[in-house]
Amino acid sequence: MLEVDGVRRRGGLAATWELLRAGSTSHRLTAAVRSGMIVRIRQGWYGLPDTDGGLESAVRVGGRATSITAARSLGVAAMPDGRLHVRVKAHAARLRDPSDRTRRLHSDPDVCVHWRPGGSGTRHAMSAIDALDDMTMCQPVERVVAAADSAIRLGLVSEASWLRRIARQPPRLRELLADVDRRSESYLESIMRFRLRRLGFFPALQVTIPAVGRIDLRLGRLVIELDGWEHHRDRDAFERDRRRDAECLRQGLIPLRFTSRQLLRDWAWVRGVVESCARL
């Protein structure tokens, strides 16, 4: 269908005037919306039904998805904070409710508006580097670093471009944001590495130990593994981890295994365990 093809060719978001210029009519656009083939996101803009909900909501507000919202749409490991993040032009007006294009956007704790001009990306969302840049304005440093690790590992951002982008930050913040490492293979690994370095520990990442295999982090005799909840649903993984831990002990190493909940919600305990075991 002309209207669907027209929206899809423009990256999933098209202005009314673009579709009219391409040969559509107001009547055809209305019919396409009623049939569910395209979606009227806000006045003057149409999208596709299968567009990412966060991206569509950002456009409905009147800007482009950024920060966590954009990063997650790109596959970057970023911890959601329950908010929609939207970048809008410095003097943008007539912002709309993310779920209702007929209502004006008022103070909404579920929407974080980033009033910043320019930037690269698509019509729906900022690029990875701009999304990360906006994260520095609204997220804890460790979460930004973890997301930057992921974006660099995915090839969406180069380490050099990230270091150039954060060069204008205050010295202390710049130093923290520069602590990226593409070898961290998960969000949890990035958070643990970042926190340990703040304590004066410098673990080796993704080390291979004979008869054990590759481990997340090694700190002297400590072998630190980090598991999300989904990891424990696999019986084979459960059995394999018990064997790995036993093999570590046989080699004189100390295996420590923490869950995502323990790391993110009970850091004081995790820290105490690591510091105590590091002295053994």
C-alpha atoms as a PDB file:
ATOM      1  CA  MET A   1       0.000   0.000   0.000  1.00  0.00           C
ATOM      2  CA  LEU A   2       1.271   3.467  -0.922  1.00  0.00           C
ATOM      3  CA  GLU A   3       0.916   4.902   2.575  1.00  0.00           C
ATOM      4  CA  VAL A   4       2.608   1.977   4.340  1.00  0.00           C
ATOM      5  CA  ASP A   5       5.463   1.934   1.849  1.00  0.00           C
ATOM      6  CA  GLY A   6       5.833   5.701   2.170  1.00  0.00           C
ATOM      7  CA  VAL A   7       6.177   5.541   5.943  1.00  0.00           C
ATOM      8  CA  ARG A   8       8.489   2.535   5.856  1.00  0.00           C
ATOM      9  CA  ARG A   9      10.824   4.134   3.291  1.00  0.00           C
ATOM     10  CA  ARG A  10      11.271   7.053   5.670  1.00  0.00           C
ATOM     11  CA  GLY A  11      12.411   4.893   8.535  1.00  0.00           C
ATOM     12  CA  GLY A  12       8.976   4.225  10.034  1.00  0.00           C
ATOM     13  CA  LEU A  13       8.016   7.864  10.520  1.00  0.00           C
ATOM     14  CA  ALA A  14       6.697  10.231   7.866  1.00  0.00           C
ATOM     15  CA  ALA A  15       5.265  13.732   7.790  1.00  0.00           C
ATOM     16  CA  THR A  16       1.858  14.315   6.235  1.00  0.00           C
ATOM     17  CA  TRP A  17       3.295  16.607   3.562  1.00  0.00           C
ATOM     18  CA  GLU A  18       5.810  13.936   2.556  1.00  0.00           C
ATOM     19  CA  LEU A  19       3.095  11.352   2.021  1.00  0.00           C
ATOM     20  CA  LEU A  20       0.893  13.811   0.135  1.00  0.00           C
ATOM     21  CA  ARG A  21       3.797  14.762  -2.106  1.00  0.00           C
ATOM     22  CA  ALA A  22       4.404  11.058  -2.782  1.00  0.00           C
ATOM     23  CA  GLY A  23       0.870  10.673  -4.150  1.00  0.00           C
ATOM     24  CA  SER A  24      -1.337   9.940  -1.169  1.00  0.00           C
ATOM     25  CA  THR A  25      -4.443  11.932  -0.241  1.00  0.00           C
ATOM     26  CA  SER A  26      -6.069  12.957   3.034  1.00  0.00           C
ATOM     27  CA  HIS A  27      -8.847  10.447   2.387  1.00  0.00           C
ATOM     28  CA  ARG A  28      -6.365   7.590   1.809  1.00  0.00           C
ATOM     29  CA  LEU A  29      -4.400   8.494   4.938  1.00  0.00           C
ATOM     30  CA  THR A  30      -7.565   8.474   7.044  1.00  0.00           C
ATOM     31  CA  ALA A  31      -8.579   5.112   5.602  1.00  0.00           C
ATOM     32  CA  ALA A  32      -5.133   3.664   6.271  1.00  0.00           C
ATOM     33  CA  VAL A  33      -5.312   4.811   9.909  1.00  0.00           C
ATOM     34  CA  ARG A  34      -8.801   3.360  10.363  1.00  0.00           C
ATOM     35  CA  SER A  35      -7.701   0.031   8.932  1.00  0.00           C
ATOM     36  CA  GLY A  36      -4.727  -0.071  11.312  1.00  0.00           C
ATOM     37  CA  MET A  37      -2.141  -0.113   8.523  1.00  0.00           C
ATOM     38  CA  ILE A  38      -0.512   3.097   9.761  1.00  0.00           C
ATOM     39  CA  VAL A  39      -0.790   5.088  12.981  1.00  0.00           C
ATOM     40  CA  ARG A  40      -1.349   8.817  13.432  1.00  0.00           C
ATOM     41  CA  ILE A  41       1.236   9.565  16.096  1.00  0.00           C
ATOM     42  CA  ARG A  42       0.605  13.284  16.422  1.00  0.00           C
ATOM     43  CA  GLN A  43      -0.629  16.071  14.203  1.00  0.00           C
ATOM     44  CA  GLY A  44       1.280  15.959  10.937  1.00  0.00           C
ATOM     45  CA  TRP A  45       3.095  12.663  11.605  1.00  0.00           C
ATOM     46  CA  TYR A  46       2.385   9.008  10.832  1.00  0.00           C
ATOM     47  CA  GLY A  47       4.105   5.813  11.922  1.00  0.00           C
ATOM     48  CA  LEU A  48       3.780   2.049  11.667  1.00  0.00           C
ATOM     49  CA  PRO A  49       1.891  -0.239  14.083  1.00  0.00           C
ATOM     50  CA  ASP A  50       5.019  -2.281  14.820  1.00  0.00           C
ATOM     51  CA  THR A  51       7.139   0.724  15.834  1.00  0.00           C
ATOM     52  CA  ASP A  52       8.812   0.405  19.248  1.00  0.00           C
ATOM     53  CA  GLY A  53       6.389   1.806  21.820  1.00  0.00           C
ATOM     54  CA  GLY A  54       8.980   3.997  23.491  1.00  0.00           C
ATOM     55  CA  LEU A  55      10.053   5.540  20.202  1.00  0.00           C
ATOM     56  CA  GLU A  56       6.467   6.203  19.172  1.00  0.00           C
ATOM     57  CA  SER A  57       5.702   7.816  22.535  1.00  0.00           C
ATOM     58  CA  ALA A  58       8.758  10.070  22.246  1.00  0.00           C
ATOM     59  CA  VAL A  59       7.626  11.296  18.828  1.00  0.00           C
ATOM     60  CA  ARG A  60       4.116  11.839  20.174  1.00  0.00           C
ATOM     61  CA  VAL A  61       5.550  14.061  22.889  1.00  0.00           C
ATOM     62  CA  GLY A  62       7.216  16.142  20.201  1.00  0.00           C
ATOM     63  CA  GLY A  63      10.845  15.038  20.119  1.00  0.00           C
ATOM     64  CA  ARG A  64      13.045  11.986  19.739  1.00  0.00           C
ATOM     65  CA  ALA A  65      13.761   9.181  22.175  1.00  0.00           C
ATOM     66  CA  THR A  66      17.039   9.612  23.999  1.00  0.00           C
ATOM     67  CA  SER A  67      18.959   8.465  27.066  1.00  0.00           C
ATOM     68  CA  ILE A  68      17.778   5.071  28.350  1.00  0.00           C
ATOM     69  CA  THR A  69      14.773   4.915  26.001  1.00  0.00           C
ATOM     70  CA  ALA A  70      16.883   5.277  22.859  1.00  0.00           C
ATOM     71  CA  ALA A  71      19.752   3.166  24.173  1.00  0.00           C
ATOM     72  CA  ARG A  72      17.527   0.177  24.931  1.00  0.00           C
ATOM     73  CA  SER A  73      15.871   0.415  21.516  1.00  0.00           C
ATOM     74  CA  LEU A  74      19.345  -0.036  20.016  1.00  0.00           C
ATOM     75  CA  GLY A  75      20.051  -3.128  22.099  1.00  0.00           C
ATOM     76  CA  VAL A  76      22.337  -1.340  24.553  1.00  0.00           C
ATOM     77  CA  ALA A  77      22.357  -2.752  28.085  1.00  0.00           C
ATOM     78  CA  ALA A  78      20.800   0.040  30.150  1.00  0.00           C
ATOM     79  CA  MET A  79      18.834  -0.158  33.380  1.00  0.00           C
ATOM     80  CA  PRO A  80      15.286   1.244  32.888  1.00  0.00           C
ATOM     81  CA  ASP A  81      14.219   3.890  35.370  1.00  0.00           C
ATOM     82  CA  GLY A  82      10.487   3.811  34.607  1.00  0.00           C
ATOM     83  CA  ARG A  83      10.552   7.024  32.591  1.00  0.00           C
ATOM     84  CA  LEU A  84      10.256   7.947  28.933  1.00  0.00           C
ATOM     85  CA  HIS A  85      13.265  10.018  27.881  1.00  0.00           C
ATOM     86  CA  VAL A  86      12.722  12.540  25.097  1.00  0.00           C
ATOM     87  CA  ARG A  87      15.079  15.098  23.576  1.00  0.00           C
ATOM     88  CA  VAL A  88      13.340  18.205  22.250  1.00  0.00           C
ATOM     89  CA  LYS A  89      14.593  21.430  20.748  1.00  0.00           C
ATOM     90  CA  ALA A  90      15.510  24.184  23.180  1.00  0.00           C
ATOM     91  CA  HIS A  91      12.402  26.251  22.368  1.00  0.00           C
ATOM     92  CA  ALA A  92       9.991  23.423  21.547  1.00  0.00           C
ATOM     93  CA  ALA A  93       6.322  24.111  22.239  1.00  0.00           C
ATOM     94  CA  ARG A  94       3.047  22.189  22.149  1.00  0.00           C
ATOM     95  CA  LEU A  95       4.498  19.054  23.714  1.00  0.00           C
ATOM     96  CA  ARG A  96       1.954  16.257  24.016  1.00  0.00           C
ATOM     97  CA  ASP A  97       1.125  13.502  26.468  1.00  0.00           C
ATOM     98  CA  PRO A  98       3.074  10.356  25.472  1.00  0.00           C
ATOM     99  CA  SER A  99      -0.105   8.256  25.368  1.00  0.00           C
ATOM    100  CA  ASP A 100      -2.599  10.818  24.032  1.00  0.00           C
ATOM    101  CA  ARG A 101      -1.770  13.145  21.155  1.00  0.00           C
ATOM    102  CA  THR A 102      -4.800  15.342  21.943  1.00  0.00           C
ATOM    103  CA  ARG A 103      -3.561  16.320  25.423  1.00  0.00           C
ATOM    104  CA  ARG A 104      -0.824  18.780  26.284  1.00  0.00           C
ATOM    105  CA  LEU A 105       2.122  17.497  28.294  1.00  0.00           C
ATOM    106  CA  HIS A 106       2.181  18.943  31.775  1.00  0.00           C
ATOM    107  CA  SER A 107       4.402  17.981  34.684  1.00  0.00           C
ATOM    108  CA  ASP A 108       4.727  14.217  34.411  1.00  0.00           C
ATOM    109  CA  PRO A 109       7.128  12.206  36.604  1.00  0.00           C
ATOM    110  CA  ASP A 110       7.082   9.442  33.981  1.00  0.00           C
ATOM    111  CA  VAL A 111       8.543  11.682  31.265  1.00  0.00           C
ATOM    112  CA  CYS A 112      12.060  13.139  31.384  1.00  0.00           C
ATOM    113  CA  VAL A 113      12.429  15.920  28.812  1.00  0.00           C
ATOM    114  CA  HIS A 114      15.969  16.761  27.657  1.00  0.00           C
ATOM    115  CA  TRP A 115      15.937  20.307  26.294  1.00  0.00           C
ATOM    116  CA  ARG A 116      18.892  20.116  23.921  1.00  0.00           C
ATOM    117  CA  PRO A 117      19.225  21.112  20.266  1.00  0.00           C
ATOM    118  CA  GLY A 118      20.841  19.156  17.466  1.00  0.00           C
ATOM    119  CA  GLY A 119      22.251  15.671  17.641  1.00  0.00           C
ATOM    120  CA  SER A 120      22.340  12.749  15.250  1.00  0.00           C
ATOM    121  CA  GLY A 121      20.158   9.697  14.864  1.00  0.00           C
ATOM    122  CA  THR A 122      16.864   8.813  13.225  1.00  0.00           C
ATOM    123  CA  ARG A 123      13.536  10.594  13.216  1.00  0.00           C
ATOM    124  CA  HIS A 124      12.463   8.469  16.164  1.00  0.00           C
ATOM    125  CA  ALA A 125      15.581   8.421  18.313  1.00  0.00           C
ATOM    126  CA  MET A 126      18.959   9.924  19.028  1.00  0.00           C
ATOM    127  CA  SER A 127      22.104   8.054  18.039  1.00  0.00           C
ATOM    128  CA  ALA A 128      23.849   5.878  20.616  1.00  0.00           C
ATOM    129  CA  ILE A 129      26.495   8.518  21.361  1.00  0.00           C
ATOM    130  CA  ASP A 130      23.875  11.241  21.874  1.00  0.00           C
ATOM    131  CA  ALA A 131      21.706   8.934  23.973  1.00  0.00           C
ATOM    132  CA  LEU A 132      24.692   8.181  26.211  1.00  0.00           C
ATOM    133  CA  ASP A 133      25.495  11.884  26.399  1.00  0.00           C
ATOM    134  CA  ASP A 134      21.974  12.602  27.628  1.00  0.00           C
ATOM    135  CA  MET A 135      22.275   9.770  30.153  1.00  0.00           C
ATOM    136  CA  THR A 136      25.050  11.720  31.878  1.00  0.00           C
ATOM    137  CA  MET A 137      22.412  14.342  32.742  1.00  0.00           C
ATOM    138  CA  CYS A 138      19.884  12.011  34.344  1.00  0.00           C
ATOM    139  CA  GLN A 139      21.538   8.760  35.470  1.00  0.00           C
ATOM    140  CA  PRO A 140      24.088   7.650  38.086  1.00  0.00           C
ATOM    141  CA  VAL A 141      27.601   7.521  36.647  1.00  0.00           C
ATOM    142  CA  GLU A 142      27.949   3.754  37.024  1.00  0.00           C
ATOM    143  CA  ARG A 143      24.836   3.195  34.895  1.00  0.00           C
ATOM    144  CA  VAL A 144      26.176   5.472  32.181  1.00  0.00           C
ATOM    145  CA  VAL A 145      29.495   3.632  32.164  1.00  0.00           C
ATOM    146  CA  ALA A 146      27.737   0.245  31.983  1.00  0.00           C
ATOM    147  CA  ALA A 147      25.675   1.448  29.010  1.00  0.00           C
ATOM    148  CA  ALA A 148      28.794   2.885  27.357  1.00  0.00           C
ATOM    149  CA  ASP A 149      30.565  -0.472  27.809  1.00  0.00           C
ATOM    150  CA  SER A 150      27.672  -2.138  26.007  1.00  0.00           C
ATOM    151  CA  ALA A 151      27.470   0.414  23.186  1.00  0.00           C
ATOM    152  CA  ILE A 152      31.218   0.155  22.561  1.00  0.00           C
ATOM    153  CA  ARG A 153      31.100  -3.642  22.630  1.00  0.00           C
ATOM    154  CA  LEU A 154      28.228  -3.610  20.102  1.00  0.00           C
ATOM    155  CA  GLY A 155      30.180  -1.308  17.805  1.00  0.00           C
ATOM    156  CA  LEU A 156      27.611   1.496  18.063  1.00  0.00           C
ATOM    157  CA  VAL A 157      30.152   3.884  19.612  1.00  0.00           C
ATOM    158  CA  SER A 158      33.938   3.892  19.530  1.00  0.00           C
ATOM    159  CA  GLU A 159      35.904   4.374  22.715  1.00  0.00           C
ATOM    160  CA  ALA A 160      37.678   7.344  21.114  1.00  0.00           C
ATOM    161  CA  SER A 161      34.401   9.083  20.249  1.00  0.00           C
ATOM    162  CA  TRP A 162      33.113   8.520  23.787  1.00  0.00           C
ATOM    163  CA  LEU A 163      36.249  10.043  25.309  1.00  0.00           C
ATOM    164  CA  ARG A 164      35.936  13.040  22.987  1.00  0.00           C
ATOM    165  CA  ARG A 165      32.280  13.485  23.908  1.00  0.00           C
ATOM    166  CA  ILE A 166      32.899  13.537  27.665  1.00  0.00           C
ATOM    167  CA  ALA A 167      35.906  15.859  27.397  1.00  0.00           C
ATOM    168  CA  ARG A 168      33.786  18.870  28.358  1.00  0.00           C
ATOM    169  CA  GLN A 169      32.610  17.299  31.620  1.00  0.00           C
ATOM    170  CA  PRO A 170      34.105  18.436  34.964  1.00  0.00           C
ATOM    171  CA  PRO A 171      37.436  16.651  35.643  1.00  0.00           C
ATOM    172  CA  ARG A 172      36.168  14.281  38.337  1.00  0.00           C
ATOM    173  CA  LEU A 173      33.088  13.274  36.348  1.00  0.00           C
ATOM    174  CA  ARG A 174      35.151  12.933  33.181  1.00  0.00           C
ATOM    175  CA  GLU A 175      37.529  10.577  34.979  1.00  0.00           C
ATOM    176  CA  LEU A 176      34.655   8.348  36.097  1.00  0.00           C
ATOM    177  CA  LEU A 177      32.929   8.340  32.706  1.00  0.00           C
ATOM    178  CA  ALA A 178      36.215   7.400  31.023  1.00  0.00           C
ATOM    179  CA  ASP A 179      36.338   4.137  32.973  1.00  0.00           C
ATOM    180  CA  VAL A 180      34.860   2.072  30.132  1.00  0.00           C
ATOM    181  CA  ASP A 181      35.891  -1.421  29.088  1.00  0.00           C
ATOM    182  CA  ARG A 182      34.475  -3.284  26.094  1.00  0.00           C
ATOM    183  CA  ARG A 183      35.486  -6.614  27.664  1.00  0.00           C
ATOM    184  CA  SER A 184      32.616  -6.453  30.154  1.00  0.00           C
ATOM    185  CA  GLU A 185      30.044  -8.769  28.602  1.00  0.00           C
ATOM    186  CA  SER A 186      27.040  -7.854  30.702  1.00  0.00           C
ATOM    187  CA  TYR A 187      25.501  -4.969  32.594  1.00  0.00           C
ATOM    188  CA  LEU A 188      26.219  -6.704  35.903  1.00  0.00           C
ATOM    189  CA  GLU A 189      29.885  -7.204  35.066  1.00  0.00           C
ATOM    190  CA  SER A 190      30.215  -3.520  34.213  1.00  0.00           C
ATOM    191  CA  ILE A 191      28.609  -2.425  37.482  1.00  0.00           C
ATOM    192  CA  MET A 192      30.750  -4.784  39.554  1.00  0.00           C
ATOM    193  CA  ARG A 193      33.961  -3.750  37.788  1.00  0.00           C
ATOM    194  CA  PHE A 194      33.160  -0.058  38.203  1.00  0.00           C
ATOM    195  CA  ARG A 195      32.365  -0.413  41.915  1.00  0.00           C
ATOM    196  CA  LEU A 196      35.416  -2.551  42.657  1.00  0.00           C
ATOM    197  CA  ARG A 197      37.693  -0.022  41.002  1.00  0.00           C
ATOM    198  CA  ARG A 198      36.239   2.691  43.189  1.00  0.00           C
ATOM    199  CA  LEU A 199      37.293   0.576  46.175  1.00  0.00           C
ATOM    200  CA  GLY A 200      40.842   0.297  44.890  1.00  0.00           C
ATOM    201  CA  PHE A 201      40.506  -3.199  43.401  1.00  0.00           C
ATOM    202  CA  PHE A 202      41.407  -3.787  39.767  1.00  0.00           C
ATOM    203  CA  PRO A 203      39.962  -7.116  38.651  1.00  0.00           C
ATOM    204  CA  ALA A 204      40.938  -8.854  35.426  1.00  0.00           C
ATOM    205  CA  LEU A 205      37.994  -9.342  33.055  1.00  0.00           C
ATOM    206  CA  GLN A 206      36.968 -12.398  31.052  1.00  0.00           C
ATOM    207  CA  VAL A 207      39.882 -14.559  32.192  1.00  0.00           C
ATOM    208  CA  THR A 208      40.157 -18.178  31.061  1.00  0.00           C
ATOM    209  CA  ILE A 209      41.134 -20.683  33.773  1.00  0.00           C
ATOM    210  CA  PRO A 210      42.134 -24.240  32.799  1.00  0.00           C
ATOM    211  CA  ALA A 211      39.393 -26.806  33.549  1.00  0.00           C
ATOM    212  CA  VAL A 212      37.080 -23.975  34.610  1.00  0.00           C
ATOM    213  CA  GLY A 213      36.633 -21.921  31.469  1.00  0.00           C
ATOM    214  CA  ARG A 214      36.113 -18.218  31.050  1.00  0.00           C
ATOM    215  CA  ILE A 215      35.061 -16.312  34.151  1.00  0.00           C
ATOM    216  CA  ASP A 216      33.583 -12.837  34.588  1.00  0.00           C
ATOM    217  CA  LEU A 217      36.192 -11.280  36.890  1.00  0.00           C
ATOM    218  CA  ARG A 218      39.297 -12.421  38.723  1.00  0.00           C
ATOM    219  CA  LEU A 219      40.760 -10.585  41.665  1.00  0.00           C
ATOM    220  CA  GLY A 220      43.847 -12.418  42.903  1.00  0.00           C
ATOM    221  CA  ARG A 221      42.533 -15.736  44.201  1.00  0.00           C
ATOM    222  CA  LEU A 222      38.928 -14.585  43.928  1.00  0.00           C
ATOM    223  CA  VAL A 223      36.852 -15.798  41.003  1.00  0.00           C
ATOM    224  CA  ILE A 224      33.754 -13.599  40.758  1.00  0.00           C
ATOM    225  CA  GLU A 225      30.741 -14.685  38.707  1.00  0.00           C
ATOM    226  CA  LEU A 226      27.546 -12.674  38.237  1.00  0.00           C
ATOM    227  CA  ASP A 227      24.251 -14.313  37.343  1.00  0.00           C
ATOM    228  CA  GLY A 228      20.875 -12.895  36.388  1.00  0.00           C
ATOM    229  CA  TRP A 229      17.712 -14.703  37.544  1.00  0.00           C
ATOM    230  CA  GLU A 230      17.130 -16.285  34.133  1.00  0.00           C
ATOM    231  CA  HIS A 231      20.511 -18.021  34.397  1.00  0.00           C
ATOM    232  CA  HIS A 232      19.263 -20.235  37.230  1.00  0.00           C
ATOM    233  CA  ARG A 233      16.316 -21.629  35.280  1.00  0.00           C
ATOM    234  CA  ASP A 234      18.626 -23.784  33.174  1.00  0.00           C
ATOM    235  CA  ARG A 235      19.453 -27.080  34.934  1.00  0.00           C
ATOM    236  CA  ASP A 236      22.496 -27.678  32.750  1.00  0.00           C
ATOM    237  CA  ALA A 237      23.852 -24.240  33.689  1.00  0.00           C
ATOM    238  CA  PHE A 238      23.179 -24.996  37.357  1.00  0.00           C
ATOM    239  CA  GLU A 239      25.134 -28.247  37.151  1.00  0.00           C
ATOM    240  CA  ARG A 240      27.948 -26.627  35.174  1.00  0.00           C
ATOM    241  CA  ASP A 241      28.337 -23.816  37.701  1.00  0.00           C
ATOM    242  CA  ARG A 242      28.631 -26.271  40.608  1.00  0.00           C
ATOM    243  CA  ARG A 243      31.387 -28.071  38.728  1.00  0.00           C
ATOM    244  CA  ARG A 244      33.204 -24.817  37.921  1.00  0.00           C
ATOM    245  CA  ASP A 245      33.094 -23.747  41.563  1.00  0.00           C
ATOM    246  CA  ALA A 246      34.454 -27.090  42.727  1.00  0.00           C
ATOM    247  CA  GLU A 247      37.258 -26.935  40.172  1.00  0.00           C
ATOM    248  CA  CYS A 248      38.179 -23.440  41.363  1.00  0.00           C
ATOM    249  CA  LEU A 249      38.489 -24.720  44.915  1.00  0.00           C
ATOM    250  CA  ARG A 250      40.652 -27.615  43.773  1.00  0.00           C
ATOM    251  CA  GLN A 251      43.044 -25.086  42.213  1.00  0.00           C
ATOM    252  CA  GLY A 252      43.219 -22.993  45.381  1.00  0.00           C
ATOM    253  CA  LEU A 253      40.881 -20.296  44.100  1.00  0.00           C
ATOM    254  CA  ILE A 254      37.880 -18.838  45.943  1.00  0.00           C
ATOM    255  CA  PRO A 255      34.683 -18.801  43.852  1.00  0.00           C
ATOM    256  CA  LEU A 256      32.186 -16.048  44.630  1.00  0.00           C
ATOM    257  CA  ARG A 257      28.858 -16.038  42.863  1.00  0.00           C
ATOM    258  CA  PHE A 258      26.441 -13.093  43.168  1.00  0.00           C
ATOM    259  CA  THR A 259      22.977 -12.552  41.739  1.00  0.00           C
ATOM    260  CA  SER A 260      21.766  -9.374  40.096  1.00  0.00           C
ATOM    261  CA  ARG A 261      19.509  -8.637  43.083  1.00  0.00           C
ATOM    262  CA  GLN A 262      22.385  -8.995  45.529  1.00  0.00           C
ATOM    263  CA  LEU A 263      24.642  -6.723  43.507  1.00  0.00           C
ATOM    264  CA  LEU A 264      22.058  -4.030  42.833  1.00  0.00           C
ATOM    265  CA  ARG A 265      20.077  -4.113  46.080  1.00  0.00           C
ATOM    266  CA  ASP A 266      22.488  -5.374  48.730  1.00  0.00           C
ATOM    267  CA  TRP A 267      25.797  -3.873  47.714  1.00  0.00           C
ATOM    268  CA  ALA A 268      26.968  -3.356  51.310  1.00  0.00           C
ATOM    269  CA  TRP A 269      26.848  -7.110  51.863  1.00  0.00           C
ATOM    270  CA  VAL A 270      28.508  -7.933  48.524  1.00  0.00           C
ATOM    271  CA  ARG A 271      31.237  -5.401  49.234  1.00  0.00           C
ATOM    272  CA  GLY A 272      31.846  -6.893  52.669  1.00  0.00           C
ATOM    273  CA  VAL A 273      32.142 -10.408  51.271  1.00  0.00           C
ATOM    274  CA  VAL A 274      34.642  -9.338  48.569  1.00  0.00           C
ATOM    275  CA  GLU A 275      36.764  -7.283  50.967  1.00  0.00           C
ATOM    276  CA  SER A 276      36.846 -10.075  53.543  1.00  0.00           C
ATOM    277  CA  CYS A 277      37.707 -12.790  51.019  1.00  0.00           C
ATOM    278  CA  ALA A 278      40.352 -10.614  49.376  1.00  0.00           C
ATOM    279  CA  ARG A 279      42.272 -10.707  52.675  1.00  0.00           C
ATOM    280  CA  LEU A 280      42.342 -14.513  52.846  1.00  0.00           C
END
